[in-house]
Each structure stands twice: as structure tokens, then as C-alpha cells.
Amino acid sequence: MRRALFKGICQFVAVVSLVVSLFPVQAAEIASNAKQAAIIAELTRQADAWDKAIIRKDRAAIEANMAEDFRQIDGEGDVETKASFVNGLVSAKLEIDPYTVEEFDVRLYGNVALLSGRTRMTGRYDGKPFKSHYRYIDIYAQRDGKWQIVSVQISKIPQQ
């Protein structure tokens, strides 16, 4: 009887030890998931604020979100620098109507984040109405603790 009791106690201690030894891994995973969720929320807010700055042509806010070495590849395959991209957005010839981003997604890879979505944009250029439907991917990099957009790639979706 003592032997059975001792064996039962040993098995119980082994199970408790196993569960306790797994807890730090689970706690670290929970903390990592919470940190990841916070970064995704931060980037989502930042991307939304950038879209709104573009609509209102707020040069300072647009530029603050962009790295100095920013590049965009547009739907025609042309490459834009930070200066040419911003100058195009704030041009008096361009007026963009408020828009929403569909199928928005954020993927994290350490200090790099890929933000993607689909946008149906309308507005006027040089007084003439335009419609644009495209998918995009914005690449953000975290440098010195700050997330900034370093690259944009746009793929046009044909009008239906």
C-alpha cells in the first residue's frame, strides 16, 4: 500500500513539475502575442492617419510617416522618390475624395511590417474626374524605435 501511495505521489509531482515547467513558455508566448497585437494596432492607426493626411494634403504629416529613402513603384511600373511622391500628392491639380481600405492586413517580420489592402479611389486631376482601383503593399521598417514607411508597391485592378 505504501508503495502504491508513493508511486501515486511521484506521478503527481511529475505531472505538476511538467505543467509548471511549461508555464514560462506559455507566459512568454502570451506576452509576445500581446506585444505583436499592440504593434499591429499602432501600425493600423499610423496607416489610417497617413491616409487621412493624404486626403487633406498635410505635407508635414505625410512626410513624417515616410523614411528619407522611401520609394514607390506605381501601377505603371514607374519609381517615385519621397520628394516626387509627396509633391504629386500635394499638387493643386490633384483632389482625392475620402476613401476606405478594404481587405487590410498587417504582417510582422521583426523590425519590418507589410501592410496591404485594396482601395477604390476617386477624385479629380486637373479638374477631370478619375477612378482608381488597386491593391497595394506598404513596407514599414522600425528604425530607432520609430515605424516609417520605406516602400509602396501598387498593382492596378482593371475597372469593370
N, C-alpha and C. Protein backbone atom coordinates (compact mmCIF):
# COMPACT_ATOMS: atom_id res chain seq x y z
N MET A 1 0.81 -1.18 0.00
CA MET A 1 0.00 0.00 0.00
C MET A 1 0.86 1.25 0.00
N ARG A 2 1.93 1.22 0.83
CA ARG A 2 2.82 2.38 0.86
C ARG A 2 3.47 2.59 -0.49
N ARG A 3 3.84 1.49 -1.12
CA ARG A 3 4.49 1.55 -2.43
C ARG A 3 3.52 2.19 -3.44
N ALA A 4 2.28 1.84 -3.46
CA ALA A 4 1.29 2.40 -4.39
C ALA A 4 1.07 3.88 -4.10
N LEU A 5 1.02 4.23 -2.80
CA LEU A 5 0.85 5.63 -2.43
C LEU A 5 2.07 6.43 -2.87
N PHE A 6 3.27 5.90 -2.64
CA PHE A 6 4.50 6.58 -3.04
C PHE A 6 4.54 6.77 -4.55
N LYS A 7 4.16 5.73 -5.31
CA LYS A 7 4.15 5.79 -6.77
C LYS A 7 3.15 6.85 -7.23
N GLY A 8 1.99 6.93 -6.60
CA GLY A 8 0.97 7.93 -6.96
C GLY A 8 1.46 9.34 -6.71
N ILE A 9 2.13 9.51 -5.55
CA ILE A 9 2.68 10.83 -5.21
C ILE A 9 3.76 11.22 -6.22
N CYS A 10 4.62 10.29 -6.58
CA CYS A 10 5.68 10.56 -7.57
C CYS A 10 5.08 10.96 -8.92
N GLN A 11 4.03 10.26 -9.35
CA GLN A 11 3.39 10.59 -10.63
C GLN A 11 2.76 11.99 -10.56
N PHE A 12 2.12 12.29 -9.44
CA PHE A 12 1.51 13.60 -9.27
C PHE A 12 2.57 14.70 -9.32
N VAL A 13 3.67 14.52 -8.63
CA VAL A 13 4.77 15.50 -8.63
C VAL A 13 5.34 15.67 -10.03
N ALA A 14 5.47 14.58 -10.76
CA ALA A 14 5.98 14.64 -12.13
C ALA A 14 5.05 15.46 -13.03
N VAL A 15 3.75 15.23 -12.92
CA VAL A 15 2.77 15.98 -13.73
C VAL A 15 2.80 17.45 -13.36
N VAL A 16 2.79 17.77 -12.07
CA VAL A 16 2.84 19.16 -11.61
C VAL A 16 4.12 19.82 -12.10
N SER A 17 5.25 19.13 -12.02
CA SER A 17 6.52 19.68 -12.48
C SER A 17 6.48 19.99 -13.97
N LEU A 18 5.88 19.11 -14.74
CA LEU A 18 5.77 19.31 -16.18
C LEU A 18 4.90 20.53 -16.48
N VAL A 19 3.77 20.63 -15.82
CA VAL A 19 2.87 21.77 -16.04
C VAL A 19 3.57 23.07 -15.65
N VAL A 20 4.22 23.09 -14.50
CA VAL A 20 4.92 24.29 -14.04
C VAL A 20 6.06 24.65 -14.98
N SER A 21 6.76 23.66 -15.49
CA SER A 21 7.88 23.95 -16.40
C SER A 21 7.39 24.52 -17.73
N LEU A 22 6.16 24.20 -18.15
CA LEU A 22 5.61 24.74 -19.39
C LEU A 22 5.09 26.16 -19.24
N PHE A 23 4.76 26.56 -18.03
CA PHE A 23 4.16 27.87 -17.81
C PHE A 23 5.02 29.03 -18.32
N PRO A 24 6.34 29.06 -18.05
CA PRO A 24 7.13 30.18 -18.57
C PRO A 24 7.06 30.30 -20.10
N VAL A 25 7.02 29.17 -20.79
CA VAL A 25 6.92 29.20 -22.25
C VAL A 25 5.59 29.81 -22.66
N GLN A 26 4.51 29.39 -22.00
CA GLN A 26 3.20 29.93 -22.32
C GLN A 26 3.13 31.41 -21.97
N ALA A 27 3.69 31.80 -20.84
CA ALA A 27 3.68 33.20 -20.43
C ALA A 27 4.46 34.04 -21.44
N ALA A 28 5.60 33.54 -21.89
CA ALA A 28 6.39 34.27 -22.88
C ALA A 28 5.63 34.39 -24.20
N GLU A 29 4.93 33.32 -24.58
CA GLU A 29 4.16 33.33 -25.82
C GLU A 29 3.00 34.32 -25.71
N ILE A 30 2.34 34.35 -24.57
CA ILE A 30 1.24 35.28 -24.35
C ILE A 30 1.76 36.72 -24.42
N ALA A 31 2.89 36.98 -23.77
CA ALA A 31 3.48 38.31 -23.79
C ALA A 31 3.88 38.71 -25.22
N SER A 32 4.44 37.76 -25.96
CA SER A 32 4.83 38.02 -27.35
C SER A 32 3.61 38.34 -28.21
N ASN A 33 2.53 37.57 -28.03
CA ASN A 33 1.30 37.81 -28.79
C ASN A 33 0.70 39.18 -28.44
N ALA A 34 0.75 39.56 -27.19
CA ALA A 34 0.23 40.85 -26.76
C ALA A 34 1.06 41.99 -27.36
N LYS A 35 2.38 41.81 -27.38
CA LYS A 35 3.26 42.83 -27.98
C LYS A 35 3.00 42.94 -29.47
N GLN A 36 2.83 41.81 -30.13
CA GLN A 36 2.55 41.79 -31.57
C GLN A 36 1.21 42.49 -31.85
N ALA A 37 0.20 42.21 -31.06
CA ALA A 37 -1.11 42.84 -31.23
C ALA A 37 -1.01 44.35 -31.04
N ALA A 38 -0.21 44.79 -30.08
CA ALA A 38 -0.03 46.23 -29.84
C ALA A 38 0.67 46.89 -31.03
N ILE A 39 1.66 46.23 -31.61
CA ILE A 39 2.36 46.78 -32.78
C ILE A 39 1.42 46.85 -33.97
N ILE A 40 0.62 45.82 -34.17
CA ILE A 40 -0.34 45.82 -35.28
C ILE A 40 -1.35 46.96 -35.10
N ALA A 41 -1.83 47.16 -33.89
CA ALA A 41 -2.77 48.25 -33.62
C ALA A 41 -2.11 49.60 -33.88
N GLU A 42 -0.85 49.76 -33.46
CA GLU A 42 -0.11 51.01 -33.69
C GLU A 42 0.05 51.27 -35.19
N LEU A 43 0.46 50.25 -35.94
CA LEU A 43 0.64 50.41 -37.39
C LEU A 43 -0.68 50.69 -38.11
N THR A 44 -1.75 50.08 -37.65
CA THR A 44 -3.07 50.31 -38.23
C THR A 44 -3.48 51.77 -38.03
N ARG A 45 -3.30 52.28 -36.82
CA ARG A 45 -3.61 53.70 -36.55
C ARG A 45 -2.72 54.62 -37.39
N GLN A 46 -1.45 54.27 -37.49
CA GLN A 46 -0.50 55.09 -38.25
C GLN A 46 -0.87 55.11 -39.74
N ALA A 47 -1.24 53.97 -40.30
CA ALA A 47 -1.62 53.90 -41.71
C ALA A 47 -2.90 54.70 -41.96
N ASP A 48 -3.86 54.60 -41.04
CA ASP A 48 -5.11 55.35 -41.18
C ASP A 48 -4.83 56.86 -41.11
N ALA A 49 -3.98 57.28 -40.20
CA ALA A 49 -3.64 58.70 -40.07
C ALA A 49 -2.93 59.19 -41.34
N TRP A 50 -2.10 58.32 -41.94
CA TRP A 50 -1.40 58.70 -43.18
C TRP A 50 -2.40 58.89 -44.31
N ASP A 51 -3.36 57.96 -44.43
CA ASP A 51 -4.39 58.09 -45.47
C ASP A 51 -5.15 59.41 -45.31
N LYS A 52 -5.50 59.75 -44.10
CA LYS A 52 -6.24 61.00 -43.84
C LYS A 52 -5.37 62.22 -44.14
N ALA A 53 -4.08 62.15 -43.83
CA ALA A 53 -3.17 63.25 -44.14
C ALA A 53 -3.05 63.44 -45.65
N ILE A 54 -3.08 62.34 -46.39
CA ILE A 54 -3.02 62.42 -47.86
C ILE A 54 -4.26 63.13 -48.39
N ILE A 55 -5.42 62.79 -47.88
CA ILE A 55 -6.67 63.41 -48.35
C ILE A 55 -6.66 64.91 -48.08
N ARG A 56 -6.17 65.32 -46.91
CA ARG A 56 -6.20 66.74 -46.59
C ARG A 56 -4.93 67.48 -47.03
N LYS A 57 -4.03 66.74 -47.70
CA LYS A 57 -2.79 67.31 -48.27
C LYS A 57 -1.90 67.93 -47.20
N ASP A 58 -1.74 67.24 -46.09
CA ASP A 58 -0.93 67.71 -44.97
C ASP A 58 0.51 67.23 -45.20
N ARG A 59 1.29 68.05 -45.89
CA ARG A 59 2.65 67.69 -46.26
C ARG A 59 3.47 67.23 -45.06
N ALA A 60 3.42 67.96 -43.98
CA ALA A 60 4.24 67.61 -42.80
C ALA A 60 3.87 66.23 -42.26
N ALA A 61 2.58 65.94 -42.16
CA ALA A 61 2.14 64.63 -41.64
C ALA A 61 2.49 63.51 -42.61
N ILE A 62 2.34 63.77 -43.90
CA ILE A 62 2.68 62.76 -44.91
C ILE A 62 4.18 62.43 -44.81
N GLU A 63 5.01 63.46 -44.81
CA GLU A 63 6.46 63.26 -44.77
C GLU A 63 6.94 62.63 -43.48
N ALA A 64 6.29 62.95 -42.36
CA ALA A 64 6.70 62.41 -41.06
C ALA A 64 6.56 60.89 -41.01
N ASN A 65 5.65 60.35 -41.79
CA ASN A 65 5.42 58.90 -41.81
C ASN A 65 6.39 58.17 -42.75
N MET A 66 7.15 58.94 -43.52
CA MET A 66 7.99 58.35 -44.58
C MET A 66 9.47 58.40 -44.23
N ALA A 67 10.18 57.33 -44.56
CA ALA A 67 11.63 57.32 -44.42
C ALA A 67 12.24 58.19 -45.52
N GLU A 68 13.41 58.71 -45.26
CA GLU A 68 14.08 59.56 -46.27
C GLU A 68 14.38 58.77 -47.54
N ASP A 69 14.65 57.47 -47.41
CA ASP A 69 14.98 56.65 -48.58
C ASP A 69 13.76 55.96 -49.19
N PHE A 70 12.57 56.51 -48.93
CA PHE A 70 11.31 55.98 -49.44
C PHE A 70 11.33 55.83 -50.96
N ARG A 71 10.68 54.75 -51.43
CA ARG A 71 10.48 54.53 -52.87
C ARG A 71 9.07 53.98 -53.07
N GLN A 72 8.46 54.41 -54.17
CA GLN A 72 7.18 53.84 -54.57
C GLN A 72 7.32 53.32 -55.99
N ILE A 73 6.72 52.15 -56.23
CA ILE A 73 6.58 51.64 -57.59
C ILE A 73 5.09 51.71 -57.88
N ASP A 74 4.73 52.54 -58.85
CA ASP A 74 3.31 52.75 -59.12
C ASP A 74 2.75 51.69 -60.07
N GLY A 75 1.48 51.84 -60.39
CA GLY A 75 0.78 50.86 -61.22
C GLY A 75 1.29 50.77 -62.64
N GLU A 76 2.09 51.76 -63.05
CA GLU A 76 2.69 51.74 -64.40
C GLU A 76 4.12 51.22 -64.37
N GLY A 77 4.61 50.94 -63.16
CA GLY A 77 5.98 50.46 -63.02
C GLY A 77 7.00 51.57 -62.84
N ASP A 78 6.53 52.81 -62.72
CA ASP A 78 7.45 53.93 -62.52
C ASP A 78 7.86 54.02 -61.05
N VAL A 79 9.07 54.50 -60.82
CA VAL A 79 9.60 54.63 -59.46
C VAL A 79 9.56 56.09 -59.04
N GLU A 80 9.04 56.31 -57.83
CA GLU A 80 8.96 57.65 -57.26
C GLU A 80 9.85 57.72 -56.02
N THR A 81 10.46 58.86 -55.79
CA THR A 81 11.20 59.12 -54.56
C THR A 81 10.24 59.75 -53.54
N LYS A 82 10.72 59.96 -52.35
CA LYS A 82 9.90 60.63 -51.34
C LYS A 82 9.44 61.99 -51.85
N ALA A 83 10.38 62.77 -52.37
CA ALA A 83 10.05 64.13 -52.82
C ALA A 83 9.03 64.12 -53.96
N SER A 84 9.25 63.28 -54.97
CA SER A 84 8.32 63.29 -56.10
C SER A 84 6.95 62.74 -55.70
N PHE A 85 6.92 61.76 -54.81
CA PHE A 85 5.66 61.19 -54.33
C PHE A 85 4.86 62.25 -53.58
N VAL A 86 5.49 62.93 -52.63
CA VAL A 86 4.80 63.94 -51.83
C VAL A 86 4.37 65.11 -52.70
N ASN A 87 5.25 65.56 -53.58
CA ASN A 87 4.89 66.68 -54.46
C ASN A 87 3.66 66.34 -55.31
N GLY A 88 3.58 65.11 -55.79
CA GLY A 88 2.41 64.69 -56.56
C GLY A 88 1.14 64.71 -55.72
N LEU A 89 1.23 64.27 -54.46
CA LEU A 89 0.05 64.22 -53.60
C LEU A 89 -0.47 65.59 -53.22
N VAL A 90 0.43 66.53 -52.99
CA VAL A 90 0.00 67.86 -52.54
C VAL A 90 -0.19 68.84 -53.71
N SER A 91 -0.03 68.37 -54.92
CA SER A 91 -0.23 69.21 -56.09
C SER A 91 -1.64 69.81 -56.09
N ALA A 92 -1.73 71.07 -56.49
CA ALA A 92 -3.03 71.74 -56.61
C ALA A 92 -3.90 71.07 -57.65
N LYS A 93 -3.31 70.34 -58.58
CA LYS A 93 -4.07 69.67 -59.64
C LYS A 93 -4.82 68.44 -59.13
N LEU A 94 -4.38 67.86 -58.01
CA LEU A 94 -4.95 66.61 -57.50
C LEU A 94 -5.88 66.85 -56.33
N GLU A 95 -7.06 66.26 -56.41
CA GLU A 95 -8.00 66.26 -55.30
C GLU A 95 -8.51 64.83 -55.14
N ILE A 96 -8.23 64.24 -53.97
CA ILE A 96 -8.64 62.86 -53.69
C ILE A 96 -9.81 62.89 -52.72
N ASP A 97 -10.87 62.17 -53.08
CA ASP A 97 -12.03 62.04 -52.20
C ASP A 97 -11.68 61.09 -51.06
N PRO A 98 -12.36 61.25 -49.90
CA PRO A 98 -12.14 60.28 -48.81
C PRO A 98 -12.39 58.85 -49.31
N TYR A 99 -11.57 57.94 -48.84
CA TYR A 99 -11.66 56.54 -49.27
C TYR A 99 -11.46 55.62 -48.08
N THR A 100 -11.84 54.37 -48.26
CA THR A 100 -11.60 53.37 -47.23
C THR A 100 -10.72 52.27 -47.82
N VAL A 101 -10.02 51.61 -46.95
CA VAL A 101 -9.18 50.49 -47.35
C VAL A 101 -9.92 49.21 -47.04
N GLU A 102 -10.01 48.33 -48.02
CA GLU A 102 -10.65 47.03 -47.86
C GLU A 102 -9.58 45.96 -47.75
N GLU A 103 -9.93 44.85 -47.14
CA GLU A 103 -9.03 43.70 -47.01
C GLU A 103 -7.68 44.09 -46.39
N PHE A 104 -7.72 44.99 -45.42
CA PHE A 104 -6.49 45.47 -44.77
C PHE A 104 -5.85 44.34 -43.97
N ASP A 105 -4.54 44.23 -44.07
CA ASP A 105 -3.81 43.17 -43.38
C ASP A 105 -2.45 43.69 -42.96
N VAL A 106 -1.99 43.27 -41.80
CA VAL A 106 -0.65 43.61 -41.31
C VAL A 106 0.08 42.32 -41.00
N ARG A 107 1.29 42.18 -41.53
CA ARG A 107 2.14 41.03 -41.21
C ARG A 107 3.46 41.56 -40.67
N LEU A 108 3.92 40.99 -39.57
CA LEU A 108 5.15 41.44 -38.92
C LEU A 108 6.28 40.45 -39.13
N TYR A 109 7.46 41.00 -39.39
CA TYR A 109 8.68 40.21 -39.55
C TYR A 109 9.79 40.95 -38.81
N GLY A 110 9.78 40.87 -37.49
CA GLY A 110 10.78 41.58 -36.70
C GLY A 110 10.58 43.08 -36.82
N ASN A 111 11.58 43.77 -37.35
CA ASN A 111 11.52 45.22 -37.49
C ASN A 111 10.98 45.66 -38.85
N VAL A 112 10.32 44.75 -39.54
CA VAL A 112 9.70 45.06 -40.84
C VAL A 112 8.24 44.64 -40.76
N ALA A 113 7.37 45.46 -41.33
CA ALA A 113 5.94 45.15 -41.37
C ALA A 113 5.41 45.37 -42.77
N LEU A 114 4.58 44.45 -43.22
CA LEU A 114 3.94 44.56 -44.53
C LEU A 114 2.47 44.87 -44.29
N LEU A 115 2.02 46.02 -44.78
CA LEU A 115 0.62 46.42 -44.67
C LEU A 115 0.04 46.38 -46.06
N SER A 116 -1.03 45.64 -46.23
CA SER A 116 -1.60 45.52 -47.57
C SER A 116 -3.11 45.72 -47.51
N GLY A 117 -3.67 46.05 -48.68
CA GLY A 117 -5.09 46.25 -48.77
C GLY A 117 -5.50 46.54 -50.20
N ARG A 118 -6.78 46.90 -50.32
CA ARG A 118 -7.35 47.21 -51.63
C ARG A 118 -8.11 48.52 -51.46
N THR A 119 -7.96 49.41 -52.44
CA THR A 119 -8.59 50.73 -52.35
C THR A 119 -9.27 51.08 -53.66
N ARG A 120 -10.46 51.65 -53.53
CA ARG A 120 -11.17 52.26 -54.66
C ARG A 120 -11.12 53.76 -54.42
N MET A 121 -10.36 54.45 -55.24
CA MET A 121 -10.14 55.86 -55.04
C MET A 121 -10.83 56.65 -56.15
N THR A 122 -11.41 57.78 -55.77
CA THR A 122 -11.99 58.70 -56.74
C THR A 122 -11.48 60.10 -56.42
N GLY A 123 -11.62 60.96 -57.39
CA GLY A 123 -11.21 62.34 -57.19
C GLY A 123 -11.18 63.07 -58.51
N ARG A 124 -10.39 64.13 -58.53
CA ARG A 124 -10.23 64.91 -59.75
C ARG A 124 -8.76 65.24 -59.94
N TYR A 125 -8.34 65.18 -61.18
CA TYR A 125 -6.98 65.61 -61.53
C TYR A 125 -7.11 66.64 -62.64
N ASP A 126 -6.59 67.82 -62.37
CA ASP A 126 -6.68 68.93 -63.33
C ASP A 126 -8.14 69.18 -63.72
N GLY A 127 -9.04 69.03 -62.73
CA GLY A 127 -10.45 69.28 -62.93
C GLY A 127 -11.23 68.12 -63.53
N LYS A 128 -10.56 67.07 -63.96
CA LYS A 128 -11.24 65.92 -64.59
C LYS A 128 -11.37 64.79 -63.58
N PRO A 129 -12.58 64.19 -63.50
CA PRO A 129 -12.78 63.09 -62.55
C PRO A 129 -11.95 61.86 -62.91
N PHE A 130 -11.54 61.14 -61.86
CA PHE A 130 -10.84 59.86 -62.08
C PHE A 130 -11.34 58.83 -61.09
N LYS A 131 -11.17 57.57 -61.45
CA LYS A 131 -11.44 56.42 -60.59
C LYS A 131 -10.20 55.54 -60.65
N SER A 132 -9.83 55.00 -59.51
CA SER A 132 -8.69 54.10 -59.45
C SER A 132 -9.01 52.98 -58.47
N HIS A 133 -8.76 51.76 -58.89
CA HIS A 133 -8.98 50.60 -58.04
C HIS A 133 -7.66 49.83 -58.04
N TYR A 134 -7.08 49.63 -56.87
CA TYR A 134 -5.78 48.97 -56.82
C TYR A 134 -5.55 48.22 -55.51
N ARG A 135 -4.62 47.30 -55.58
CA ARG A 135 -4.08 46.63 -54.39
C ARG A 135 -2.73 47.28 -54.11
N TYR A 136 -2.37 47.28 -52.86
CA TYR A 136 -1.08 47.88 -52.51
C TYR A 136 -0.42 47.07 -51.41
N ILE A 137 0.87 47.29 -51.31
CA ILE A 137 1.61 46.80 -50.15
C ILE A 137 2.52 47.93 -49.71
N ASP A 138 2.39 48.31 -48.46
CA ASP A 138 3.24 49.33 -47.84
C ASP A 138 4.23 48.58 -46.95
N ILE A 139 5.48 48.89 -47.11
CA ILE A 139 6.51 48.25 -46.29
C ILE A 139 7.01 49.27 -45.27
N TYR A 140 6.84 48.93 -44.01
CA TYR A 140 7.31 49.77 -42.91
C TYR A 140 8.54 49.12 -42.28
N ALA A 141 9.46 49.95 -41.84
CA ALA A 141 10.63 49.47 -41.10
C ALA A 141 10.70 50.25 -39.79
N GLN A 142 11.09 49.55 -38.73
CA GLN A 142 11.26 50.21 -37.45
C GLN A 142 12.73 50.57 -37.30
N ARG A 143 12.97 51.85 -37.21
CA ARG A 143 14.34 52.36 -37.06
C ARG A 143 14.37 53.29 -35.86
N ASP A 144 15.31 53.06 -34.98
CA ASP A 144 15.43 53.87 -33.76
C ASP A 144 14.10 53.95 -33.01
N GLY A 145 13.37 52.81 -32.98
CA GLY A 145 12.12 52.72 -32.24
C GLY A 145 10.92 53.34 -32.93
N LYS A 146 11.09 53.84 -34.16
CA LYS A 146 10.01 54.52 -34.87
C LYS A 146 9.69 53.77 -36.16
N TRP A 147 8.38 53.51 -36.39
CA TRP A 147 7.95 52.87 -37.63
C TRP A 147 7.78 53.92 -38.71
N GLN A 148 8.39 53.69 -39.87
CA GLN A 148 8.22 54.57 -41.02
C GLN A 148 8.05 53.74 -42.28
N ILE A 149 7.30 54.30 -43.21
CA ILE A 149 7.08 53.62 -44.48
C ILE A 149 8.32 53.81 -45.35
N VAL A 150 8.85 52.71 -45.87
CA VAL A 150 10.06 52.77 -46.70
C VAL A 150 9.76 52.49 -48.17
N SER A 151 8.63 51.80 -48.43
CA SER A 151 8.32 51.46 -49.81
C SER A 151 6.83 51.19 -49.99
N VAL A 152 6.33 51.52 -51.18
CA VAL A 152 4.95 51.23 -51.57
C VAL A 152 4.99 50.60 -52.95
N GLN A 153 4.21 49.56 -53.13
CA GLN A 153 4.03 48.92 -54.45
C GLN A 153 2.54 48.91 -54.72
N ILE A 154 2.15 49.40 -55.90
CA ILE A 154 0.74 49.44 -56.27
C ILE A 154 0.52 48.58 -57.50
N SER A 155 -0.56 47.80 -57.47
CA SER A 155 -0.99 47.00 -58.64
C SER A 155 -2.40 47.41 -58.99
N LYS A 156 -2.57 47.93 -60.18
CA LYS A 156 -3.91 48.35 -60.62
C LYS A 156 -4.81 47.13 -60.81
N ILE A 157 -6.07 47.30 -60.46
CA ILE A 157 -7.09 46.30 -60.72
C ILE A 157 -7.94 46.88 -61.86
N PRO A 158 -8.10 46.17 -62.94
CA PRO A 158 -8.87 46.71 -64.06
C PRO A 158 -10.28 47.12 -63.67
N GLN A 159 -10.74 48.24 -64.23
CA GLN A 159 -12.12 48.71 -64.00
C GLN A 159 -13.09 47.74 -64.64
N GLN A 160 -14.19 47.50 -63.99
CA GLN A 160 -15.20 46.57 -64.54
C GLN A 160 -16.37 47.34 -65.10
